[in-house]
Amino acid sequence: MSEAPTIVAWLKPVCGWSNSVREAFGKHGLQFEDKDIINNPDNYAEMVQKSGQPLSPCVEINGQMLADVSGEEVEAWMVENKIVETVGA
């Protein structure tokens, strides 16, 4: 695999969708910046500004914004874009 991707995730502290995104990164051992959009209004404003919409989770991988995604969608995108390889089958 190539070098580790740069990942920023705008997530809620307690949320099924946000947790599924965390699990997708954890499953692949990826480090990421976890930005709390509930307790930090600046993070929320940044997410809306960068993604162009108000729904979370939003994830930016190597500069590519994935807005309003689930962990499964993030993982599928990472596999498709060769960020990670499929784990298990």
PDB file of N, CA and C in Angstrom:
ATOM      1  N   MET A   1       0.841  -1.186   0.000  1.00  0.00           N
ATOM      2  CA  MET A   1       0.000   0.000   0.000  1.00  0.00           C
ATOM      3  C   MET A   1       0.885   1.248   0.000  1.00  0.00           C
ATOM      4  N   SER A   2       0.322   2.314  -0.488  1.00  0.00           N
ATOM      5  CA  SER A   2       1.048   3.583  -0.506  1.00  0.00           C
ATOM      6  C   SER A   2       1.086   4.165   0.900  1.00  0.00           C
ATOM      7  N   GLU A   3       1.615   5.361   1.015  1.00  0.00           N
ATOM      8  CA  GLU A   3       1.687   5.982   2.349  1.00  0.00           C
ATOM      9  C   GLU A   3       0.291   6.240   2.892  1.00  0.00           C
ATOM     10  N   ALA A   4       0.230   6.412   4.201  1.00  0.00           N
ATOM     11  CA  ALA A   4      -1.054   6.575   4.869  1.00  0.00           C
ATOM     12  C   ALA A   4      -1.783   7.805   4.342  1.00  0.00           C
ATOM     13  N   PRO A   5      -3.085   7.675   4.140  1.00  0.00           N
ATOM     14  CA  PRO A   5      -3.869   8.821   3.658  1.00  0.00           C
ATOM     15  C   PRO A   5      -4.057   9.866   4.757  1.00  0.00           C
ATOM     16  N   THR A   6      -4.311  11.092   4.333  1.00  0.00           N
ATOM     17  CA  THR A   6      -4.654  12.165   5.264  1.00  0.00           C
ATOM     18  C   THR A   6      -6.171  12.170   5.383  1.00  0.00           C
ATOM     19  N   ILE A   7      -6.670  11.935   6.593  1.00  0.00           N
ATOM     20  CA  ILE A   7      -8.116  11.799   6.788  1.00  0.00           C
ATOM     21  C   ILE A   7      -8.595  12.746   7.879  1.00  0.00           C
ATOM     22  N   VAL A   8      -9.627  13.520   7.542  1.00  0.00           N
ATOM     23  CA  VAL A   8     -10.304  14.354   8.531  1.00  0.00           C
ATOM     24  C   VAL A   8     -11.768  13.930   8.500  1.00  0.00           C
ATOM     25  N   ALA A   9     -12.336  13.673   9.685  1.00  0.00           N
ATOM     26  CA  ALA A   9     -13.735  13.259   9.761  1.00  0.00           C
ATOM     27  C   ALA A   9     -14.486  14.200  10.695  1.00  0.00           C
ATOM     28  N   TRP A  10     -15.582  14.742  10.189  1.00  0.00           N
ATOM     29  CA  TRP A  10     -16.448  15.608  11.006  1.00  0.00           C
ATOM     30  C   TRP A  10     -17.568  14.714  11.509  1.00  0.00           C
ATOM     31  N   LEU A  11     -17.544  14.440  12.837  1.00  0.00           N
ATOM     32  CA  LEU A  11     -18.432  13.431  13.399  1.00  0.00           C
ATOM     33  C   LEU A  11     -19.123  13.916  14.658  1.00  0.00           C
ATOM     34  N   LYS A  12     -20.244  13.260  14.975  1.00  0.00           N
ATOM     35  CA  LYS A  12     -20.915  13.481  16.245  1.00  0.00           C
ATOM     36  C   LYS A  12     -20.276  12.537  17.266  1.00  0.00           C
ATOM     37  N   PRO A  13     -20.157  12.977  18.534  1.00  0.00           N
ATOM     38  CA  PRO A  13     -19.542  12.107  19.548  1.00  0.00           C
ATOM     39  C   PRO A  13     -20.310  10.801  19.732  1.00  0.00           C
ATOM     40  N   VAL A  14     -21.639  10.883  19.723  1.00  0.00           N
ATOM     41  CA  VAL A  14     -22.458   9.690  19.901  1.00  0.00           C
ATOM     42  C   VAL A  14     -23.443   9.633  18.743  1.00  0.00           C
ATOM     43  N   CYS A  15     -23.209   8.715  17.823  1.00  0.00           N
ATOM     44  CA  CYS A  15     -24.068   8.616  16.638  1.00  0.00           C
ATOM     45  C   CYS A  15     -23.717   7.318  15.927  1.00  0.00           C
ATOM     46  N   GLY A  16     -24.727   6.538  15.579  1.00  0.00           N
ATOM     47  CA  GLY A  16     -24.487   5.278  14.883  1.00  0.00           C
ATOM     48  C   GLY A  16     -23.702   5.468  13.594  1.00  0.00           C
ATOM     49  N   TRP A  17     -24.081   6.477  12.817  1.00  0.00           N
ATOM     50  CA  TRP A  17     -23.394   6.712  11.542  1.00  0.00           C
ATOM     51  C   TRP A  17     -21.949   7.128  11.787  1.00  0.00           C
ATOM     52  N   SER A  18     -21.740   8.041  12.735  1.00  0.00           N
ATOM     53  CA  SER A  18     -20.377   8.489  13.040  1.00  0.00           C
ATOM     54  C   SER A  18     -19.540   7.320  13.541  1.00  0.00           C
ATOM     55  N   ASN A  19     -20.129   6.479  14.402  1.00  0.00           N
ATOM     56  CA  ASN A  19     -19.387   5.329  14.907  1.00  0.00           C
ATOM     57  C   ASN A  19     -19.043   4.347  13.800  1.00  0.00           C
ATOM     58  N   SER A  20     -19.923   4.196  12.805  1.00  0.00           N
ATOM     59  CA  SER A  20     -19.627   3.282  11.701  1.00  0.00           C
ATOM     60  C   SER A  20     -18.444   3.798  10.881  1.00  0.00           C
ATOM     61  N   VAL A  21     -18.320   5.121  10.780  1.00  0.00           N
ATOM     62  CA  VAL A  21     -17.170   5.712  10.086  1.00  0.00           C
ATOM     63  C   VAL A  21     -15.895   5.441  10.894  1.00  0.00           C
ATOM     64  N   ARG A  22     -15.960   5.652  12.221  1.00  0.00           N
ATOM     65  CA  ARG A  22     -14.799   5.367  13.078  1.00  0.00           C
ATOM     66  C   ARG A  22     -14.385   3.900  12.951  1.00  0.00           C
ATOM     67  N   GLU A  23     -15.376   3.006  12.927  1.00  0.00           N
ATOM     68  CA  GLU A  23     -15.091   1.573  12.823  1.00  0.00           C
ATOM     69  C   GLU A  23     -14.425   1.237  11.489  1.00  0.00           C
ATOM     70  N   ALA A  24     -14.862   1.882  10.408  1.00  0.00           N
ATOM     71  CA  ALA A  24     -14.273   1.615   9.099  1.00  0.00           C
ATOM     72  C   ALA A  24     -12.786   1.973   9.102  1.00  0.00           C
ATOM     73  N   PHE A  25     -12.434   3.118   9.710  1.00  0.00           N
ATOM     74  CA  PHE A  25     -11.019   3.498   9.779  1.00  0.00           C
ATOM     75  C   PHE A  25     -10.269   2.557  10.719  1.00  0.00           C
ATOM     76  N   GLY A  26     -10.879   2.219  11.842  1.00  0.00           N
ATOM     77  CA  GLY A  26     -10.239   1.347  12.809  1.00  0.00           C
ATOM     78  C   GLY A  26      -9.954  -0.034  12.239  1.00  0.00           C
ATOM     79  N   LYS A  27     -10.889  -0.545  11.462  1.00  0.00           N
ATOM     80  CA  LYS A  27     -10.749  -1.858  10.847  1.00  0.00           C
ATOM     81  C   LYS A  27      -9.510  -1.923   9.964  1.00  0.00           C
ATOM     82  N   HIS A  28      -9.182  -0.797   9.351  1.00  0.00           N
ATOM     83  CA  HIS A  28      -8.027  -0.741   8.449  1.00  0.00           C
ATOM     84  C   HIS A  28      -6.806  -0.117   9.116  1.00  0.00           C
ATOM     85  N   GLY A  29      -6.927   0.161  10.414  1.00  0.00           N
ATOM     86  CA  GLY A  29      -5.796   0.718  11.153  1.00  0.00           C
ATOM     87  C   GLY A  29      -5.388   2.103  10.691  1.00  0.00           C
ATOM     88  N   LEU A  30      -6.352   2.884  10.214  1.00  0.00           N
ATOM     89  CA  LEU A  30      -6.041   4.220   9.697  1.00  0.00           C
ATOM     90  C   LEU A  30      -6.172   5.275  10.793  1.00  0.00           C
ATOM     91  N   GLN A  31      -5.199   6.167  10.841  1.00  0.00           N
ATOM     92  CA  GLN A  31      -5.263   7.305  11.752  1.00  0.00           C
ATOM     93  C   GLN A  31      -6.124   8.377  11.078  1.00  0.00           C
ATOM     94  N   PHE A  32      -6.921   9.084  11.874  1.00  0.00           N
ATOM     95  CA  PHE A  32      -7.712  10.163  11.299  1.00  0.00           C
ATOM     96  C   PHE A  32      -7.970  11.209  12.354  1.00  0.00           C
ATOM     97  N   GLU A  33      -8.235  12.422  11.896  1.00  0.00           N
ATOM     98  CA  GLU A  33      -8.584  13.509  12.794  1.00  0.00           C
ATOM     99  C   GLU A  33     -10.095  13.481  12.999  1.00  0.00           C
ATOM    100  N   ASP A  34     -10.513  13.313  14.250  1.00  0.00           N
ATOM    101  CA  ASP A  34     -11.932  13.199  14.591  1.00  0.00           C
ATOM    102  C   ASP A  34     -12.411  14.566  15.092  1.00  0.00           C
ATOM    103  N   LYS A  35     -13.154  15.288  14.253  1.00  0.00           N
ATOM    104  CA  LYS A  35     -13.623  16.626  14.614  1.00  0.00           C
ATOM    105  C   LYS A  35     -15.055  16.568  15.124  1.00  0.00           C
ATOM    106  N   ASP A  36     -15.231  16.923  16.380  1.00  0.00           N
ATOM    107  CA  ASP A  36     -16.533  16.915  17.054  1.00  0.00           C
ATOM    108  C   ASP A  36     -17.366  18.100  16.551  1.00  0.00           C
ATOM    109  N   ILE A  37     -18.478  17.796  15.877  1.00  0.00           N
ATOM    110  CA  ILE A  37     -19.311  18.879  15.329  1.00  0.00           C
ATOM    111  C   ILE A  37     -20.441  19.282  16.270  1.00  0.00           C
ATOM    112  N   ILE A  38     -20.626  18.554  17.369  1.00  0.00           N
ATOM    113  CA  ILE A  38     -21.693  18.892  18.317  1.00  0.00           C
ATOM    114  C   ILE A  38     -21.192  19.881  19.362  1.00  0.00           C
ATOM    115  N   ASN A  39     -20.052  19.563  19.976  1.00  0.00           N
ATOM    116  CA  ASN A  39     -19.523  20.388  21.060  1.00  0.00           C
ATOM    117  C   ASN A  39     -18.600  21.498  20.574  1.00  0.00           C
ATOM    118  N   ASN A  40     -18.291  21.504  19.285  1.00  0.00           N
ATOM    119  CA  ASN A  40     -17.427  22.545  18.733  1.00  0.00           C
ATOM    120  C   ASN A  40     -18.087  23.161  17.499  1.00  0.00           C
ATOM    121  N   PRO A  41     -18.763  24.315  17.675  1.00  0.00           N
ATOM    122  CA  PRO A  41     -19.474  24.956  16.553  1.00  0.00           C
ATOM    123  C   PRO A  41     -18.552  25.325  15.390  1.00  0.00           C
ATOM    124  N   ASP A  42     -17.278  25.601  15.684  1.00  0.00           N
ATOM    125  CA  ASP A  42     -16.339  25.928  14.599  1.00  0.00           C
ATOM    126  C   ASP A  42     -16.135  24.722  13.691  1.00  0.00           C
ATOM    127  N   ASN A  43     -16.071  23.534  14.274  1.00  0.00           N
ATOM    128  CA  ASN A  43     -15.928  22.319  13.462  1.00  0.00           C
ATOM    129  C   ASN A  43     -17.147  22.125  12.574  1.00  0.00           C
ATOM    130  N   TYR A  44     -18.337  22.366  13.142  1.00  0.00           N
ATOM    131  CA  TYR A  44     -19.563  22.217  12.355  1.00  0.00           C
ATOM    132  C   TYR A  44     -19.569  23.215  11.191  1.00  0.00           C
ATOM    133  N   ALA A  45     -19.218  24.462  11.485  1.00  0.00           N
ATOM    134  CA  ALA A  45     -19.194  25.496  10.437  1.00  0.00           C
ATOM    135  C   ALA A  45     -18.196  25.121   9.341  1.00  0.00           C
ATOM    136  N   GLU A  46     -17.038  24.595   9.745  1.00  0.00           N
ATOM    137  CA  GLU A  46     -16.027  24.174   8.769  1.00  0.00           C
ATOM    138  C   GLU A  46     -16.560  23.036   7.895  1.00  0.00           C
ATOM    139  N   MET A  47     -17.249  22.074   8.514  1.00  0.00           N
ATOM    140  CA  MET A  47     -17.817  20.948   7.756  1.00  0.00           C
ATOM    141  C   MET A  47     -18.817  21.446   6.714  1.00  0.00           C
ATOM    142  N   VAL A  48     -19.724  22.340   7.131  1.00  0.00           N
ATOM    143  CA  VAL A  48     -20.734  22.860   6.208  1.00  0.00           C
ATOM    144  C   VAL A  48     -20.064  23.621   5.065  1.00  0.00           C
ATOM    145  N   GLN A  49     -19.074  24.441   5.420  1.00  0.00           N
ATOM    146  CA  GLN A  49     -18.374  25.238   4.413  1.00  0.00           C
ATOM    147  C   GLN A  49     -17.632  24.332   3.417  1.00  0.00           C
ATOM    148  N   LYS A  50     -16.954  23.300   3.930  1.00  0.00           N
ATOM    149  CA  LYS A  50     -16.165  22.426   3.054  1.00  0.00           C
ATOM    150  C   LYS A  50     -17.029  21.462   2.243  1.00  0.00           C
ATOM    151  N   SER A  51     -18.126  20.978   2.855  1.00  0.00           N
ATOM    152  CA  SER A  51     -18.927  19.954   2.165  1.00  0.00           C
ATOM    153  C   SER A  51     -20.090  20.561   1.381  1.00  0.00           C
ATOM    154  N   GLY A  52     -20.430  21.823   1.693  1.00  0.00           N
ATOM    155  CA  GLY A  52     -21.521  22.478   0.988  1.00  0.00           C
ATOM    156  C   GLY A  52     -22.894  22.019   1.431  1.00  0.00           C
ATOM    157  N   GLN A  53     -22.968  21.316   2.557  1.00  0.00           N
ATOM    158  CA  GLN A  53     -24.258  20.837   3.060  1.00  0.00           C
ATOM    159  C   GLN A  53     -24.140  20.573   4.565  1.00  0.00           C
ATOM    160  N   PRO A  54     -25.283  20.456   5.273  1.00  0.00           N
ATOM    161  CA  PRO A  54     -25.261  20.414   6.738  1.00  0.00           C
ATOM    162  C   PRO A  54     -25.283  19.027   7.375  1.00  0.00           C
ATOM    163  N   LEU A  55     -25.312  17.965   6.574  1.00  0.00           N
ATOM    164  CA  LEU A  55     -25.477  16.633   7.144  1.00  0.00           C
ATOM    165  C   LEU A  55     -24.142  15.960   7.428  1.00  0.00           C
ATOM    166  N   SER A  56     -24.104  15.201   8.526  1.00  0.00           N
ATOM    167  CA  SER A  56     -22.906  14.465   8.877  1.00  0.00           C
ATOM    168  C   SER A  56     -23.225  12.972   8.840  1.00  0.00           C
ATOM    169  N   PRO A  57     -22.223  12.107   8.822  1.00  0.00           N
ATOM    170  CA  PRO A  57     -20.795  12.398   8.860  1.00  0.00           C
ATOM    171  C   PRO A  57     -20.282  12.905   7.507  1.00  0.00           C
ATOM    172  N   CYS A  58     -19.230  13.709   7.597  1.00  0.00           N
ATOM    173  CA  CYS A  58     -18.479  14.103   6.413  1.00  0.00           C
ATOM    174  C   CYS A  58     -17.028  13.682   6.640  1.00  0.00           C
ATOM    175  N   VAL A  59     -16.417  13.195   5.583  1.00  0.00           N
ATOM    176  CA  VAL A  59     -15.053  12.705   5.684  1.00  0.00           C
ATOM    177  C   VAL A  59     -14.264  13.264   4.508  1.00  0.00           C
ATOM    178  N   GLU A  60     -13.068  13.733   4.791  1.00  0.00           N
ATOM    179  CA  GLU A  60     -12.184  14.196   3.721  1.00  0.00           C
ATOM    180  C   GLU A  60     -10.962  13.283   3.725  1.00  0.00           C
ATOM    181  N   ILE A  61     -10.728  12.625   2.603  1.00  0.00           N
ATOM    182  CA  ILE A  61      -9.596  11.706   2.464  1.00  0.00           C
ATOM    183  C   ILE A  61      -8.706  12.231   1.342  1.00  0.00           C
ATOM    184  N   ASN A  62      -7.466  12.588   1.713  1.00  0.00           N
ATOM    185  CA  ASN A  62      -6.525  13.150   0.734  1.00  0.00           C
ATOM    186  C   ASN A  62      -7.164  14.275  -0.077  1.00  0.00           C
ATOM    187  N   GLY A  63      -7.948  15.118   0.613  1.00  0.00           N
ATOM    188  CA  GLY A  63      -8.535  16.280  -0.056  1.00  0.00           C
ATOM    189  C   GLY A  63      -9.855  16.014  -0.752  1.00  0.00           C
ATOM    190  N   GLN A  64     -10.302  14.766  -0.792  1.00  0.00           N
ATOM    191  CA  GLN A  64     -11.570  14.416  -1.455  1.00  0.00           C
ATOM    192  C   GLN A  64     -12.679  14.372  -0.416  1.00  0.00           C
ATOM    193  N   MET A  65     -13.697  15.211  -0.568  1.00  0.00           N
ATOM    194  CA  MET A  65     -14.784  15.295   0.406  1.00  0.00           C
ATOM    195  C   MET A  65     -15.869  14.268   0.115  1.00  0.00           C
ATOM    196  N   LEU A  66     -16.204  13.489   1.133  1.00  0.00           N
ATOM    197  CA  LEU A  66     -17.333  12.560   1.063  1.00  0.00           C
ATOM    198  C   LEU A  66     -18.352  13.084   2.069  1.00  0.00           C
ATOM    199  N   ALA A  67     -19.484  13.569   1.582  1.00  0.00           N
ATOM    200  CA  ALA A  67     -20.468  14.217   2.454  1.00  0.00           C
ATOM    201  C   ALA A  67     -21.615  13.272   2.787  1.00  0.00           C
ATOM    202  N   ASP A  68     -22.085  13.347   4.036  1.00  0.00           N
ATOM    203  CA  ASP A  68     -23.256  12.600   4.480  1.00  0.00           C
ATOM    204  C   ASP A  68     -23.106  11.117   4.147  1.00  0.00           C
ATOM    205  N   VAL A  69     -22.032  10.502   4.673  1.00  0.00           N
ATOM    206  CA  VAL A  69     -21.725   9.114   4.338  1.00  0.00           C
ATOM    207  C   VAL A  69     -21.797   8.194   5.549  1.00  0.00           C
ATOM    208  N   SER A  70     -21.988   6.916   5.260  1.00  0.00           N
ATOM    209  CA  SER A  70     -21.926   5.880   6.296  1.00  0.00           C
ATOM    210  C   SER A  70     -20.531   5.266   6.269  1.00  0.00           C
ATOM    211  N   GLY A  71     -20.221   4.502   7.297  1.00  0.00           N
ATOM    212  CA  GLY A  71     -18.941   3.792   7.325  1.00  0.00           C
ATOM    213  C   GLY A  71     -18.786   2.864   6.134  1.00  0.00           C
ATOM    214  N   GLU A  72     -19.866   2.186   5.740  1.00  0.00           N
ATOM    215  CA  GLU A  72     -19.812   1.282   4.584  1.00  0.00           C
ATOM    216  C   GLU A  72     -19.473   2.058   3.322  1.00  0.00           C
ATOM    217  N   GLU A  73     -20.075   3.222   3.160  1.00  0.00           N
ATOM    218  CA  GLU A  73     -19.804   4.036   1.962  1.00  0.00           C
ATOM    219  C   GLU A  73     -18.357   4.525   1.956  1.00  0.00           C
ATOM    220  N   VAL A  74     -17.865   4.934   3.125  1.00  0.00           N
ATOM    221  CA  VAL A  74     -16.475   5.389   3.225  1.00  0.00           C
ATOM    222  C   VAL A  74     -15.530   4.244   2.872  1.00  0.00           C
ATOM    223  N   GLU A  75     -15.803   3.071   3.436  1.00  0.00           N
ATOM    224  CA  GLU A  75     -14.941   1.918   3.175  1.00  0.00           C
ATOM    225  C   GLU A  75     -14.965   1.542   1.703  1.00  0.00           C
ATOM    226  N   ALA A  76     -16.150   1.536   1.097  1.00  0.00           N
ATOM    227  CA  ALA A  76     -16.270   1.205  -0.332  1.00  0.00           C
ATOM    228  C   ALA A  76     -15.476   2.200  -1.174  1.00  0.00           C
ATOM    229  N   TRP A  77     -15.561   3.487  -0.819  1.00  0.00           N
ATOM    230  CA  TRP A  77     -14.815   4.519  -1.553  1.00  0.00           C
ATOM    231  C   TRP A  77     -13.309   4.283  -1.409  1.00  0.00           C
ATOM    232  N   MET A  78     -12.868   3.954  -0.192  1.00  0.00           N
ATOM    233  CA  MET A  78     -11.433   3.741   0.045  1.00  0.00           C
ATOM    234  C   MET A  78     -10.917   2.533  -0.729  1.00  0.00           C
ATOM    235  N   VAL A  79     -11.715   1.465  -0.808  1.00  0.00           N
ATOM    236  CA  VAL A  79     -11.318   0.273  -1.566  1.00  0.00           C
ATOM    237  C   VAL A  79     -11.248   0.622  -3.056  1.00  0.00           C
ATOM    238  N   GLU A  80     -12.295   1.297  -3.535  1.00  0.00           N
ATOM    239  CA  GLU A  80     -12.388   1.678  -4.940  1.00  0.00           C
ATOM    240  C   GLU A  80     -11.214   2.569  -5.358  1.00  0.00           C
ATOM    241  N   ASN A  81     -10.794   3.447  -4.458  1.00  0.00           N
ATOM    242  CA  ASN A  81      -9.723   4.395  -4.758  1.00  0.00           C
ATOM    243  C   ASN A  81      -8.365   3.916  -4.276  1.00  0.00           C
ATOM    244  N   LYS A  82      -8.266   2.632  -3.944  1.00  0.00           N
ATOM    245  CA  LYS A  82      -7.005   1.983  -3.575  1.00  0.00           C
ATOM    246  C   LYS A  82      -6.330   2.593  -2.360  1.00  0.00           C
ATOM    247  N   ILE A  83      -7.146   3.179  -1.458  1.00  0.00           N
ATOM    248  CA  ILE A  83      -6.604   3.678  -0.192  1.00  0.00           C
ATOM    249  C   ILE A  83      -6.364   2.482   0.739  1.00  0.00           C
ATOM    250  N   VAL A  84      -7.300   1.527   0.695  1.00  0.00           N
ATOM    251  CA  VAL A  84      -7.183   0.301   1.490  1.00  0.00           C
ATOM    252  C   VAL A  84      -7.511  -0.885   0.603  1.00  0.00           C
ATOM    253  N   GLU A  85      -7.167  -2.072   1.085  1.00  0.00           N
ATOM    254  CA  GLU A  85      -7.576  -3.289   0.400  1.00  0.00           C
ATOM    255  C   GLU A  85      -8.734  -3.896   1.169  1.00  0.00           C
ATOM    256  N   THR A  86      -9.555  -4.649   0.484  1.00  0.00           N
ATOM    257  CA  THR A  86     -10.684  -5.293   1.136  1.00  0.00           C
ATOM    258  C   THR A  86     -10.161  -6.226   2.214  1.00  0.00           C
ATOM    259  N   VAL A  87     -10.762  -6.161   3.393  1.00  0.00           N
ATOM    260  CA  VAL A  87     -10.375  -7.023   4.511  1.00  0.00           C
ATOM    261  C   VAL A  87     -11.389  -8.134   4.630  1.00  0.00           C
ATOM    262  N   GLY A  88     -10.913  -9.363   4.592  1.00  0.00           N
ATOM    263  CA  GLY A  88     -11.836 -10.491   4.688  1.00  0.00           C
ATOM    264  C   GLY A  88     -12.739 -10.538   3.468  1.00  0.00           C
ATOM    265  N   ALA A  89     -13.537 -11.569   3.342  1.00  0.00           N
ATOM    266  CA  ALA A  89     -14.429 -11.667   2.189  1.00  0.00           C
ATOM    267  C   ALA A  89     -15.733 -12.323   2.603  1.00  0.00           C
TER     268      ALA A  89
END
